[in-house]
Amino acid sequence: MEAVNTRRRQTALLVVFLILPALLAFGVVRLLGTRDGAAHQAGSSPPSSPAAPSDAVGSGPALDVTARITGTEESTELTFLIARGRAEAGPPTSVTDCRQFAEWAQRNGGVPVGFAPVHTLSVHARRNLDISGVSVLAVQVTEVELAGGDGPWVELACRDDHAPAPTATHPDEPADGDPDRPHVLVAGQAIELPVPLDTPYDTGGAFPHGTVDYQLRVRMDIDGVVEEHRLRNGGSPFRCCGRSTYMGFRSARYEWRVSPPRSLRYCAELRYAVHPPPPKCALRHG
C-alpha cells in the first residue's frame, strides 16, 4: 500500500513539473498570436466611418441636366395641338406664366405645332467645371398617330403680358459670339443653354417627319471628358410635332392670358377655297 501511494505522488509531481508548464506556454503563445492577428486585421480593414463630403461629391455625377421644348423652327412661341375640351377649360389657377402653361399643356396631351422643336438645356453644376462641345440629337422612340376621335383638335397658346422680353439668342447664334468658348461654372451654379438639333449622318433632317415620341441624346465635354445624357420630358418621352393648318382649313385657336386678370381670346376655325378669310376672334373673360 505504501508503494502504491509513493508511485501516485511521483506521478503527480511529474505532471506539475513537466506537463503543466508546457500547457501554460502553449496558452501564452496562442493568446499572443490572437492579439497580433486582431491588430493586423484592424490595421488592414477600411474605415467604417462615412466618406468626407468632398469624396462624396467627387464620386457622383458632375452635373444635372434637364431639357424642355421652348419653340419650333417656325416660332419662338409655343402653340399646341390639343383637344377642344382642354383648350376651353384652360389651365388651373396655379398656372401663372407661359412656362408653366407649356408644361401643363404637354402633360394634358398638347403637341407642339411646327416642323422641328427647339430645346433649352438646364444645367446645374455639382462642382466647379467647364462645359464645351454641346451637341443634341433627337432619337425617335415611336411614331404617333393622332386619332380623330381624340379631337376635335384645336390650337392652344399662352399670352403673358407681364413676361420679360426674351434675352436668349437664336440657338445658332451664341450669346458671346464664340460657339467654342467653354461655359465656366462653379459648384451650385445653374445655366440655361438654347440648343439646336444636330443632323444625324444617315438622314436628311434633324427631326423626323410627322408626329413622333423621342428622347434627346446630349453629349458635352466636361473638363476634357465627353459625357452623354439621355433626356426625357419628365416621366415620358418628348412629343412633337402637330399640324393645325391644311389647304383650305385652319383650326380654331384658343389664346389664354394667365397673368391676372385671366382672359381668353377665341378665334373660330376657318374653311376656305383659295385664300383664307380674315380671322374671326373675340375676347372672352375667364
C-alpha atoms as a PDB file:
ATOM      1  CA  MET A   1       0.000   0.000   0.000  1.00  0.00           C
ATOM      2  CA  GLU A   2       2.858   2.321   0.865  1.00  0.00           C
ATOM      3  CA  ALA A   3       4.449   1.598  -2.522  1.00  0.00           C
ATOM      4  CA  VAL A   4       1.235   2.474  -4.382  1.00  0.00           C
ATOM      5  CA  ASN A   5       0.932   5.838  -2.678  1.00  0.00           C
ATOM      6  CA  THR A   6       4.556   6.583  -3.446  1.00  0.00           C
ATOM      7  CA  ARG A   7       4.022   5.973  -7.172  1.00  0.00           C
ATOM      8  CA  ARG A   8       0.947   8.257  -7.190  1.00  0.00           C
ATOM      9  CA  ARG A   9       2.878  11.115  -5.563  1.00  0.00           C
ATOM     10  CA  GLN A  10       5.660  10.680  -8.105  1.00  0.00           C
ATOM     11  CA  THR A  11       3.154  10.826 -11.000  1.00  0.00           C
ATOM     12  CA  ALA A  12       1.538  13.982  -9.605  1.00  0.00           C
ATOM     13  CA  LEU A  13       4.898  15.664  -9.264  1.00  0.00           C
ATOM     14  CA  LEU A  14       5.730  14.712 -12.857  1.00  0.00           C
ATOM     15  CA  VAL A  15       2.532  16.392 -14.047  1.00  0.00           C
ATOM     16  CA  VAL A  16       3.279  19.537 -12.047  1.00  0.00           C
ATOM     17  CA  PHE A  17       6.878  19.948 -13.158  1.00  0.00           C
ATOM     18  CA  LEU A  18       6.729  18.713 -16.793  1.00  0.00           C
ATOM     19  CA  ILE A  19       3.237  18.794 -18.355  1.00  0.00           C
ATOM     20  CA  LEU A  20       1.724  21.835 -16.630  1.00  0.00           C
ATOM     21  CA  PRO A  21       4.478  24.284 -17.757  1.00  0.00           C
ATOM     22  CA  ALA A  22       4.088  23.080 -21.345  1.00  0.00           C
ATOM     23  CA  LEU A  23       0.343  23.741 -21.232  1.00  0.00           C
ATOM     24  CA  LEU A  24       0.921  27.217 -19.808  1.00  0.00           C
ATOM     25  CA  ALA A  25       3.474  28.047 -22.508  1.00  0.00           C
ATOM     26  CA  PHE A  26       1.071  26.921 -25.269  1.00  0.00           C
ATOM     27  CA  GLY A  27      -1.670  29.107 -23.831  1.00  0.00           C
ATOM     28  CA  VAL A  28       0.583  32.178 -23.736  1.00  0.00           C
ATOM     29  CA  VAL A  29       1.696  31.684 -27.360  1.00  0.00           C
ATOM     30  CA  ARG A  30      -1.920  31.203 -28.515  1.00  0.00           C
ATOM     31  CA  LEU A  31      -3.049  34.381 -26.743  1.00  0.00           C
ATOM     32  CA  LEU A  32      -0.256  36.495 -28.210  1.00  0.00           C
ATOM     33  CA  GLY A  33      -0.961  35.163 -31.694  1.00  0.00           C
ATOM     34  CA  THR A  34      -4.646  36.022 -31.423  1.00  0.00           C
ATOM     35  CA  ARG A  35      -3.873  39.581 -30.358  1.00  0.00           C
ATOM     36  CA  ASP A  36      -1.366  40.051 -33.180  1.00  0.00           C
ATOM     37  CA  GLY A  37      -3.863  38.750 -35.750  1.00  0.00           C
ATOM     38  CA  ALA A  38      -6.597  41.019 -34.479  1.00  0.00           C
ATOM     39  CA  ALA A  39      -4.282  44.010 -34.631  1.00  0.00           C
ATOM     40  CA  HIS A  40      -3.258  43.117 -38.181  1.00  0.00           C
ATOM     41  CA  GLN A  41      -6.878  42.720 -39.287  1.00  0.00           C
ATOM     42  CA  ALA A  42      -7.838  46.069 -37.762  1.00  0.00           C
ATOM     43  CA  GLY A  43      -4.945  47.793 -39.482  1.00  0.00           C
ATOM     44  CA  SER A  44      -5.736  46.394 -42.953  1.00  0.00           C
ATOM     45  CA  SER A  45      -9.558  46.812 -42.982  1.00  0.00           C
ATOM     46  CA  PRO A  46     -11.051  50.041 -44.430  1.00  0.00           C
ATOM     47  CA  PRO A  47     -12.587  52.564 -42.032  1.00  0.00           C
ATOM     48  CA  SER A  48     -16.336  52.244 -41.491  1.00  0.00           C
ATOM     49  CA  SER A  49     -16.935  55.954 -40.939  1.00  0.00           C
ATOM     50  CA  PRO A  50     -18.876  57.889 -43.690  1.00  0.00           C
ATOM     51  CA  ALA A  51     -16.882  59.371 -46.545  1.00  0.00           C
ATOM     52  CA  ALA A  52     -15.942  63.023 -46.355  1.00  0.00           C
ATOM     53  CA  PRO A  53     -18.250  65.423 -48.262  1.00  0.00           C
ATOM     54  CA  SER A  54     -15.568  66.156 -50.865  1.00  0.00           C
ATOM     55  CA  ASP A  55     -15.203  62.431 -51.601  1.00  0.00           C
ATOM     56  CA  ALA A  56     -18.972  62.022 -51.981  1.00  0.00           C
ATOM     57  CA  VAL A  57     -19.175  64.920 -54.434  1.00  0.00           C
ATOM     58  CA  GLY A  58     -16.186  63.744 -56.424  1.00  0.00           C
ATOM     59  CA  SER A  59     -17.567  60.247 -56.854  1.00  0.00           C
ATOM     60  CA  GLY A  60     -21.015  61.379 -58.034  1.00  0.00           C
ATOM     61  CA  PRO A  61     -22.166  62.989 -61.310  1.00  0.00           C
ATOM     62  CA  ALA A  62     -20.595  66.304 -62.172  1.00  0.00           C
ATOM     63  CA  LEU A  63     -23.892  67.949 -63.139  1.00  0.00           C
ATOM     64  CA  ASP A  64     -27.646  67.577 -63.516  1.00  0.00           C
ATOM     65  CA  VAL A  65     -29.154  68.128 -66.974  1.00  0.00           C
ATOM     66  CA  THR A  66     -32.797  68.504 -67.992  1.00  0.00           C
ATOM     67  CA  ALA A  67     -34.411  69.776 -71.188  1.00  0.00           C
ATOM     68  CA  ARG A  68     -37.646  71.410 -72.280  1.00  0.00           C
ATOM     69  CA  ILE A  69     -39.205  72.463 -75.583  1.00  0.00           C
ATOM     70  CA  THR A  70     -39.092  76.255 -75.927  1.00  0.00           C
ATOM     71  CA  GLY A  71     -40.264  76.725 -79.521  1.00  0.00           C
ATOM     72  CA  THR A  72     -40.006  75.391 -83.036  1.00  0.00           C
ATOM     73  CA  GLU A  73     -38.048  76.356 -86.124  1.00  0.00           C
ATOM     74  CA  GLU A  74     -41.020  78.478 -87.175  1.00  0.00           C
ATOM     75  CA  SER A  75     -41.596  80.393 -83.939  1.00  0.00           C
ATOM     76  CA  THR A  76     -40.141  81.110 -80.506  1.00  0.00           C
ATOM     77  CA  GLU A  77     -43.692  80.962 -79.120  1.00  0.00           C
ATOM     78  CA  LEU A  78     -45.187  77.544 -78.452  1.00  0.00           C
ATOM     79  CA  THR A  79     -48.554  76.678 -79.928  1.00  0.00           C
ATOM     80  CA  PHE A  80     -50.094  73.312 -79.059  1.00  0.00           C
ATOM     81  CA  LEU A  81     -52.458  70.996 -80.856  1.00  0.00           C
ATOM     82  CA  ILE A  82     -54.907  69.804 -78.190  1.00  0.00           C
ATOM     83  CA  ALA A  83     -58.456  68.532 -77.710  1.00  0.00           C
ATOM     84  CA  ARG A  84     -61.098  71.279 -77.728  1.00  0.00           C
ATOM     85  CA  GLY A  85     -62.369  70.461 -74.228  1.00  0.00           C
ATOM     86  CA  ARG A  86     -58.925  71.005 -72.683  1.00  0.00           C
ATOM     87  CA  ALA A  87     -58.459  74.268 -74.542  1.00  0.00           C
ATOM     88  CA  GLU A  88     -61.852  75.640 -73.462  1.00  0.00           C
ATOM     89  CA  ALA A  89     -61.333  74.697 -69.808  1.00  0.00           C
ATOM     90  CA  GLY A  90     -57.870  76.260 -69.763  1.00  0.00           C
ATOM     91  CA  PRO A  91     -55.136  75.742 -67.197  1.00  0.00           C
ATOM     92  CA  PRO A  92     -55.741  75.732 -63.424  1.00  0.00           C
ATOM     93  CA  THR A  93     -55.291  78.969 -61.481  1.00  0.00           C
ATOM     94  CA  SER A  94     -51.944  77.699 -60.160  1.00  0.00           C
ATOM     95  CA  VAL A  95     -50.513  78.245 -63.676  1.00  0.00           C
ATOM     96  CA  THR A  96     -49.359  81.863 -63.706  1.00  0.00           C
ATOM     97  CA  ASP A  97     -46.800  82.108 -66.526  1.00  0.00           C
ATOM     98  CA  CYS A  98     -46.254  80.716 -70.020  1.00  0.00           C
ATOM     99  CA  ARG A  99     -43.513  78.288 -68.954  1.00  0.00           C
ATOM    100  CA  GLN A 100     -45.886  76.613 -66.502  1.00  0.00           C
ATOM    101  CA  PHE A 101     -48.563  76.791 -69.194  1.00  0.00           C
ATOM    102  CA  ALA A 102     -46.378  74.833 -71.634  1.00  0.00           C
ATOM    103  CA  GLU A 103     -45.668  72.154 -69.017  1.00  0.00           C
ATOM    104  CA  TRP A 104     -49.385  71.858 -68.212  1.00  0.00           C
ATOM    105  CA  ALA A 105     -50.343  71.615 -71.902  1.00  0.00           C
ATOM    106  CA  GLN A 106     -47.870  68.799 -72.606  1.00  0.00           C
ATOM    107  CA  ARG A 107     -48.959  66.845 -69.515  1.00  0.00           C
ATOM    108  CA  ASN A 108     -52.529  67.042 -70.851  1.00  0.00           C
ATOM    109  CA  GLY A 109     -51.811  65.776 -74.352  1.00  0.00           C
ATOM    110  CA  GLY A 110     -50.785  69.001 -76.076  1.00  0.00           C
ATOM    111  CA  VAL A 111     -48.458  68.519 -79.060  1.00  0.00           C
ATOM    112  CA  PRO A 112     -46.274  71.449 -80.173  1.00  0.00           C
ATOM    113  CA  VAL A 113     -47.251  72.725 -83.623  1.00  0.00           C
ATOM    114  CA  GLY A 114     -44.486  73.067 -86.205  1.00  0.00           C
ATOM    115  CA  PHE A 115     -41.916  71.031 -88.082  1.00  0.00           C
ATOM    116  CA  ALA A 116     -38.942  70.732 -85.712  1.00  0.00           C
ATOM    117  CA  PRO A 117     -38.681  71.566 -81.994  1.00  0.00           C
ATOM    118  CA  VAL A 118     -36.133  73.813 -80.337  1.00  0.00           C
ATOM    119  CA  HIS A 119     -34.946  72.859 -76.857  1.00  0.00           C
ATOM    120  CA  THR A 120     -33.287  74.562 -73.912  1.00  0.00           C
ATOM    121  CA  LEU A 121     -30.953  72.626 -71.617  1.00  0.00           C
ATOM    122  CA  SER A 122     -30.987  73.417 -67.909  1.00  0.00           C
ATOM    123  CA  VAL A 123     -27.566  72.578 -66.444  1.00  0.00           C
ATOM    124  CA  HIS A 124     -26.827  72.543 -62.705  1.00  0.00           C
ATOM    125  CA  ALA A 125     -23.183  72.081 -61.683  1.00  0.00           C
ATOM    126  CA  ARG A 126     -22.360  69.918 -58.665  1.00  0.00           C
ATOM    127  CA  ARG A 127     -18.746  71.087 -58.657  1.00  0.00           C
ATOM    128  CA  ASN A 128     -16.520  73.609 -60.437  1.00  0.00           C
ATOM    129  CA  LEU A 129     -16.304  72.636 -64.106  1.00  0.00           C
ATOM    130  CA  ASP A 130     -16.026  73.765 -67.725  1.00  0.00           C
ATOM    131  CA  ILE A 131     -18.617  72.806 -70.358  1.00  0.00           C
ATOM    132  CA  SER A 132     -17.944  72.875 -74.110  1.00  0.00           C
ATOM    133  CA  GLY A 133     -18.799  70.995 -77.293  1.00  0.00           C
ATOM    134  CA  VAL A 134     -22.520  70.561 -76.535  1.00  0.00           C
ATOM    135  CA  SER A 135     -24.423  68.539 -79.153  1.00  0.00           C
ATOM    136  CA  VAL A 136     -28.065  67.394 -79.077  1.00  0.00           C
ATOM    137  CA  LEU A 137     -29.646  64.687 -81.233  1.00  0.00           C
ATOM    138  CA  ALA A 138     -33.326  63.647 -81.337  1.00  0.00           C
ATOM    139  CA  VAL A 139     -33.631  59.842 -81.084  1.00  0.00           C
ATOM    140  CA  GLN A 140     -37.043  58.601 -82.238  1.00  0.00           C
ATOM    141  CA  VAL A 141     -38.872  56.185 -79.929  1.00  0.00           C
ATOM    142  CA  THR A 142     -42.074  55.612 -81.917  1.00  0.00           C
ATOM    143  CA  GLU A 143     -44.381  57.238 -84.454  1.00  0.00           C
ATOM    144  CA  VAL A 144     -47.610  58.742 -83.119  1.00  0.00           C
ATOM    145  CA  GLU A 145     -50.945  58.594 -84.925  1.00  0.00           C
ATOM    146  CA  LEU A 146     -53.182  61.444 -83.779  1.00  0.00           C
ATOM    147  CA  ALA A 147     -56.587  59.791 -83.947  1.00  0.00           C
ATOM    148  CA  GLY A 148     -59.546  61.935 -84.957  1.00  0.00           C
ATOM    149  CA  GLY A 149     -61.593  60.507 -82.095  1.00  0.00           C
ATOM    150  CA  ASP A 150     -59.350  62.273 -79.582  1.00  0.00           C
ATOM    151  CA  GLY A 151     -60.325  65.663 -81.002  1.00  0.00           C
ATOM    152  CA  PRO A 152     -61.659  67.782 -82.376  1.00  0.00           C
ATOM    153  CA  TRP A 153     -58.167  69.253 -82.426  1.00  0.00           C
ATOM    154  CA  VAL A 154     -57.643  72.979 -81.887  1.00  0.00           C
ATOM    155  CA  GLU A 155     -54.722  75.350 -81.361  1.00  0.00           C
ATOM    156  CA  LEU A 156     -53.811  76.438 -77.850  1.00  0.00           C
ATOM    157  CA  ALA A 157     -51.409  79.284 -76.982  1.00  0.00           C
ATOM    158  CA  CYS A 158     -50.336  81.337 -73.990  1.00  0.00           C
ATOM    159  CA  ARG A 159     -50.174  85.106 -73.601  1.00  0.00           C
ATOM    160  CA  ASP A 160     -48.440  86.646 -70.597  1.00  0.00           C
ATOM    161  CA  ASP A 161     -48.485  90.458 -70.624  1.00  0.00           C
ATOM    162  CA  HIS A 162     -46.025  90.670 -67.727  1.00  0.00           C
ATOM    163  CA  ALA A 163     -43.427  88.282 -69.100  1.00  0.00           C
ATOM    164  CA  PRO A 164     -39.973  89.853 -69.532  1.00  0.00           C
ATOM    165  CA  ALA A 165     -38.638  90.347 -73.026  1.00  0.00           C
ATOM    166  CA  PRO A 166     -36.675  87.316 -74.232  1.00  0.00           C
ATOM    167  CA  THR A 167     -32.918  87.670 -73.822  1.00  0.00           C
ATOM    168  CA  ALA A 168     -31.748  84.381 -75.291  1.00  0.00           C
ATOM    169  CA  THR A 169     -30.292  84.430 -78.781  1.00  0.00           C
ATOM    170  CA  HIS A 170     -31.205  82.072 -81.570  1.00  0.00           C
ATOM    171  CA  PRO A 171     -29.679  78.621 -80.936  1.00  0.00           C
ATOM    172  CA  ASP A 172     -27.372  79.057 -83.930  1.00  0.00           C
ATOM    173  CA  GLU A 173     -26.070  82.400 -82.580  1.00  0.00           C
ATOM    174  CA  PRO A 174     -24.248  82.046 -79.228  1.00  0.00           C
ATOM    175  CA  ALA A 175     -24.629  84.982 -76.863  1.00  0.00           C
ATOM    176  CA  ASP A 176     -20.890  85.564 -76.572  1.00  0.00           C
ATOM    177  CA  GLY A 177     -20.251  85.194 -80.310  1.00  0.00           C
ATOM    178  CA  ASP A 178     -17.869  82.264 -79.825  1.00  0.00           C
ATOM    179  CA  PRO A 179     -19.512  78.803 -80.003  1.00  0.00           C
ATOM    180  CA  ASP A 180     -16.255  77.101 -78.951  1.00  0.00           C
ATOM    181  CA  ARG A 181     -15.763  79.137 -75.809  1.00  0.00           C
ATOM    182  CA  PRO A 182     -16.429  76.940 -72.750  1.00  0.00           C
ATOM    183  CA  HIS A 183     -19.020  77.767 -70.111  1.00  0.00           C
ATOM    184  CA  VAL A 184     -17.269  78.063 -66.735  1.00  0.00           C
ATOM    185  CA  LEU A 185     -19.493  77.067 -63.801  1.00  0.00           C
ATOM    186  CA  VAL A 186     -18.873  76.965 -60.071  1.00  0.00           C
ATOM    187  CA  ALA A 187     -20.432  74.434 -57.720  1.00  0.00           C
ATOM    188  CA  GLY A 188     -24.163  75.093 -57.316  1.00  0.00           C
ATOM    189  CA  GLN A 189     -24.447  77.360 -60.364  1.00  0.00           C
ATOM    190  CA  ALA A 190     -27.202  76.725 -62.944  1.00  0.00           C
ATOM    191  CA  ILE A 191     -27.444  77.987 -66.524  1.00  0.00           C
ATOM    192  CA  GLU A 192     -29.823  77.531 -69.466  1.00  0.00           C
ATOM    193  CA  LEU A 193     -28.480  76.777 -72.936  1.00  0.00           C
ATOM    194  CA  PRO A 194     -30.740  77.083 -76.025  1.00  0.00           C
ATOM    195  CA  VAL A 195     -29.522  74.371 -78.402  1.00  0.00           C
ATOM    196  CA  PRO A 196     -30.332  73.331 -81.986  1.00  0.00           C
ATOM    197  CA  LEU A 197     -30.749  69.710 -83.010  1.00  0.00           C
ATOM    198  CA  ASP A 198     -27.861  68.039 -84.783  1.00  0.00           C
ATOM    199  CA  THR A 199     -28.480  66.355 -88.123  1.00  0.00           C
ATOM    200  CA  PRO A 200     -27.632  62.634 -87.962  1.00  0.00           C
ATOM    201  CA  TYR A 201     -25.363  61.232 -90.648  1.00  0.00           C
ATOM    202  CA  ASP A 202     -27.906  58.743 -92.051  1.00  0.00           C
ATOM    203  CA  THR A 203     -30.859  61.123 -92.610  1.00  0.00           C
ATOM    204  CA  GLY A 204     -31.511  64.382 -94.372  1.00  0.00           C
ATOM    205  CA  GLY A 205     -33.103  66.274 -91.488  1.00  0.00           C
ATOM    206  CA  ALA A 206     -32.555  66.948 -87.813  1.00  0.00           C
ATOM    207  CA  PHE A 207     -36.070  65.826 -86.893  1.00  0.00           C
ATOM    208  CA  PRO A 208     -38.291  63.040 -88.292  1.00  0.00           C
ATOM    209  CA  HIS A 209     -41.276  63.965 -90.436  1.00  0.00           C
ATOM    210  CA  GLY A 210     -44.668  63.781 -88.735  1.00  0.00           C
ATOM    211  CA  THR A 211     -45.517  63.339 -85.055  1.00  0.00           C
ATOM    212  CA  VAL A 212     -43.153  61.162 -83.006  1.00  0.00           C
ATOM    213  CA  ASP A 213     -42.158  60.371 -79.448  1.00  0.00           C
ATOM    214  CA  TYR A 214     -38.443  60.861 -78.954  1.00  0.00           C
ATOM    215  CA  GLN A 215     -35.607  61.264 -76.477  1.00  0.00           C
ATOM    216  CA  LEU A 216     -32.660  63.627 -76.563  1.00  0.00           C
ATOM    217  CA  ARG A 217     -29.090  62.334 -76.719  1.00  0.00           C
ATOM    218  CA  VAL A 218     -26.961  65.108 -75.230  1.00  0.00           C
ATOM    219  CA  ARG A 219     -23.177  64.990 -75.461  1.00  0.00           C
ATOM    220  CA  MET A 220     -20.917  67.552 -73.821  1.00  0.00           C
ATOM    221  CA  ASP A 221     -17.287  67.960 -72.923  1.00  0.00           C
ATOM    222  CA  ILE A 222     -16.840  68.230 -69.140  1.00  0.00           C
ATOM    223  CA  ASP A 223     -13.283  69.262 -68.216  1.00  0.00           C
ATOM    224  CA  GLY A 224     -11.956  67.497 -71.300  1.00  0.00           C
ATOM    225  CA  VAL A 225     -14.016  64.312 -70.860  1.00  0.00           C
ATOM    226  CA  VAL A 226     -17.036  63.591 -73.113  1.00  0.00           C
ATOM    227  CA  GLU A 227     -20.223  62.693 -71.225  1.00  0.00           C
ATOM    228  CA  GLU A 228     -23.521  61.502 -72.706  1.00  0.00           C
ATOM    229  CA  HIS A 229     -27.002  62.009 -71.230  1.00  0.00           C
ATOM    230  CA  ARG A 230     -30.353  60.594 -72.413  1.00  0.00           C
ATOM    231  CA  LEU A 231     -33.150  63.026 -71.554  1.00  0.00           C
ATOM    232  CA  ARG A 232     -36.935  62.650 -71.453  1.00  0.00           C
ATOM    233  CA  ASN A 233     -39.735  65.145 -70.927  1.00  0.00           C
ATOM    234  CA  GLY A 234     -40.175  64.397 -67.238  1.00  0.00           C
ATOM    235  CA  GLY A 235     -41.602  60.892 -66.858  1.00  0.00           C
ATOM    236  CA  SER A 236     -42.362  60.340 -70.563  1.00  0.00           C
ATOM    237  CA  PRO A 237     -40.703  60.894 -73.943  1.00  0.00           C
ATOM    238  CA  PHE A 238     -40.860  64.228 -75.723  1.00  0.00           C
ATOM    239  CA  ARG A 239     -43.567  64.519 -78.402  1.00  0.00           C
ATOM    240  CA  CYS A 240     -43.576  66.737 -81.482  1.00  0.00           C
ATOM    241  CA  CYS A 241     -44.845  67.974 -83.908  1.00  0.00           C
ATOM    242  CA  GLY A 242     -48.508  68.510 -84.814  1.00  0.00           C
ATOM    243  CA  ARG A 243     -50.247  70.332 -87.674  1.00  0.00           C
ATOM    244  CA  SER A 244     -53.307  72.545 -87.317  1.00  0.00           C
ATOM    245  CA  THR A 245     -53.453  74.123 -90.778  1.00  0.00           C
ATOM    246  CA  TYR A 246     -54.093  72.364 -94.085  1.00  0.00           C
ATOM    247  CA  MET A 247     -55.065  73.514 -97.548  1.00  0.00           C
ATOM    248  CA  GLY A 248     -58.493  75.127 -97.125  1.00  0.00           C
ATOM    249  CA  PHE A 249     -58.668  74.674 -93.330  1.00  0.00           C
ATOM    250  CA  ARG A 250     -57.320  76.361 -90.190  1.00  0.00           C
ATOM    251  CA  SER A 251     -58.145  75.046 -86.705  1.00  0.00           C
ATOM    252  CA  ALA A 252     -59.937  77.100 -84.077  1.00  0.00           C
ATOM    253  CA  ARG A 253     -57.494  78.898 -81.780  1.00  0.00           C
ATOM    254  CA  TYR A 254     -57.620  79.493 -78.012  1.00  0.00           C
ATOM    255  CA  GLU A 255     -55.227  82.074 -76.543  1.00  0.00           C
ATOM    256  CA  TRP A 256     -55.123  82.194 -72.738  1.00  0.00           C
ATOM    257  CA  ARG A 257     -53.652  85.073 -70.803  1.00  0.00           C
ATOM    258  CA  VAL A 258     -52.611  83.544 -67.485  1.00  0.00           C
ATOM    259  CA  SER A 259     -51.325  86.656 -65.681  1.00  0.00           C
ATOM    260  CA  PRO A 260     -54.142  88.365 -63.710  1.00  0.00           C
ATOM    261  CA  PRO A 261     -56.696  89.158 -64.802  1.00  0.00           C
ATOM    262  CA  ARG A 262     -57.080  85.901 -66.737  1.00  0.00           C
ATOM    263  CA  SER A 263     -58.780  86.088 -70.102  1.00  0.00           C
ATOM    264  CA  LEU A 264     -59.346  84.004 -73.221  1.00  0.00           C
ATOM    265  CA  ARG A 265     -59.200  85.118 -76.842  1.00  0.00           C
ATOM    266  CA  TYR A 266     -61.048  82.741 -79.180  1.00  0.00           C
ATOM    267  CA  CYS A 267     -60.665  82.579 -82.955  1.00  0.00           C
ATOM    268  CA  ALA A 268     -63.144  80.423 -84.875  1.00  0.00           C
ATOM    269  CA  GLU A 269     -61.909  77.811 -87.340  1.00  0.00           C
ATOM    270  CA  LEU A 270     -61.636  78.830 -90.983  1.00  0.00           C
ATOM    271  CA  ARG A 271     -62.634  76.891 -94.068  1.00  0.00           C
ATOM    272  CA  TYR A 272     -61.940  78.374 -97.474  1.00  0.00           C
ATOM    273  CA  ALA A 273     -61.464  77.500-101.133  1.00  0.00           C
ATOM    274  CA  VAL A 274     -58.480  79.598-102.254  1.00  0.00           C
ATOM    275  CA  HIS A 275     -57.426  82.367 -99.848  1.00  0.00           C
ATOM    276  CA  PRO A 276     -58.104  82.310 -96.079  1.00  0.00           C
ATOM    277  CA  PRO A 277     -60.630  84.949 -94.933  1.00  0.00           C
ATOM    278  CA  PRO A 278     -59.783  87.358 -92.081  1.00  0.00           C
ATOM    279  CA  PRO A 279     -59.824  85.575 -88.699  1.00  0.00           C
ATOM    280  CA  LYS A 280     -62.910  85.975 -86.546  1.00  0.00           C
ATOM    281  CA  CYS A 281     -61.694  86.448 -82.971  1.00  0.00           C
ATOM    282  CA  ALA A 282     -63.460  87.555 -79.803  1.00  0.00           C
ATOM    283  CA  LEU A 283     -62.276  88.200 -76.251  1.00  0.00           C
ATOM    284  CA  ARG A 284     -63.746  86.032 -73.540  1.00  0.00           C
ATOM    285  CA  HIS A 285     -63.121  86.583 -69.823  1.00  0.00           C
ATOM    286  CA  GLY A 286     -62.178  83.565 -67.746  1.00  0.00           C
END
